[in-house]
Amino acid sequence: MQTPLCSGPLRRREFLRVGTLALGGLTLPQLIRSQAQAASPSPETSVILFWMWGGPSQLETYDMKPDAPLEYRGPLRPIRTNVPGIEICEYMPGQAKIADKFSIIRSLHHEMSAHNDGSIEMLTGKTPSIPDPTSQARSEHPDFGMIASRIRGARGDGLPQYIGAQRSPFMTNPGYLGVSHKAFETGDPSKPDFAPQNLTLSTGLDNGRLSDRKDLLAQFDHFRRGLDRDADALDDFSRRAFTILTSPKVARAFDLSQEDVKLRDAYGRHRWGQSCLLARRLAEAGAAVINIDATAPNDTTKHFSWDDHAGAFHLDFAQRERLPQMDQGLTALITDLHSRGLDNRVLVIACGEFGRTPRVTYAPKNFSDQPGVGRDHWPGAFSALIAGGGLKMGQIVGATNSKSEYPVLDPVTPQDLLATVYRHLGIDYRREFLNFAGRPVPILSQGKPIAALA
């Protein structure tokens, strides 16, 4: 059952009790003063990232090579789209009907072949100083959502600037920007009783969920650890946390029950579909960056990530499960943004940290006790979908060789893609921040917006 929304401000006694509980004694005058300082307006362009951690295969999605030898082209077939000359995977018929509303970048590339290293390169624009082949690396620099949160600043209505639909990338951290710029994580919006725990108090105190306050405090304490030296960051986090907890407007933005049942069905009643719908609501409300975690818990599917090694998955069976859900969610999201006139305001990107090896690999048995058919890590060439943002749609950007091994036309780097993102968000990507050593660090030290999309 959906959690009811509150009908108005909290009663004074409840307000003071909850404020003390959540913030450990932060006084009401301090809160009022802080919120007044944080109420300055900011632009409301948004970016929605459909983040396919694990590395989706370009040859089974957006850069199929049907004329390549069998050991390269793989088991799936392309289909035509509504844009002449553009073909995509057969398991994405919804996107095929709206290809005029997105563009495909086929020439992305970098050199990081481990999951976390590639993710750091894609999300921060910084190459890890010490690449970690075990994929245990953690970023030294904030990702673009954290940068946007820092530059946009706190919203007066309490809506977080950076939100992880389900969760946010685990290999990045705000570092020298301060803990308050971590993403606000929502949990799974496809659950029937979906209500982010952090928003429990803003939806009313009579719903029996105040008993979760210990969990709430535990989450605050998690962020507080190690911050004794950074009181300003702690105060900022506390202020934002309190505003989120007590804002009916924020609660409404997260309330999927306000959407028409037919629209929710169109998005798909699965994690990715409802995450796409939630992302649209949050972008419409003014959040800067929403990251959709396009993976699944491994207790719900054997194809829980996009890491298609032959010893784990089978390219056909895995994509047969993943791609229809991805297709439904992204098709509904892009169509919905257009129907609401939000396609200029909101930029949608779907990608992972790298692609897959051009040559197919095999294994006698995979996670499903089937013969495995897969591909390994390949950062040399991979694809991304990009839609909206007032950019030029219905085209292919760049090209790879006949086996999708490397770019042969208009190569695009992660830094170029991020420069395009920052331009859309109104952020000067040449701006610098001081790191913990007091040295200036540019948001991007290289890269420029993708000219073909302008």
Foldseek 3Di string as FASTA:
>chain_A
DEQAADPDFDDPVVLVVVLCLQQVDDDPVNLVVVLVVQADDADQFAEEEAAFQQAAAQLQFFFAQVPDPDLQRDDWDWDAAPFPPGITTPLQHLCSDVQQFWEKEWFEFDDQQARLQLQCCQFQVDGDPDRDNVNPAADQAAGPQLVLCLVRGAHSLLQRQAAEAQADDPRYAHAQSARLSHHHYQHFQLDPHGDRLLQVQSRDDPPPSVVCSVVSNVVLVVSCPPCPVPVVRNVSNSSSSSSSNNHSVNRVLQRPVPDDPVLLVQLPSGRLSSSLVSVLSSSVVRRHYYYYHLFAPCVVDQLRGNNQDQQAAAVVVSCSPRSNNVSSRVSSNSVVCVVVVNLQSYKYKYTYSAHWDSGWDWDPQHPVRHTGIGTHGARQIRMMMMGGNPWRGSYYAFHAPSSRRHTDHRRAYSQQVVQQSCVSSVHDQQDWDQGPVRDTDGSHPDYHHRVNTD
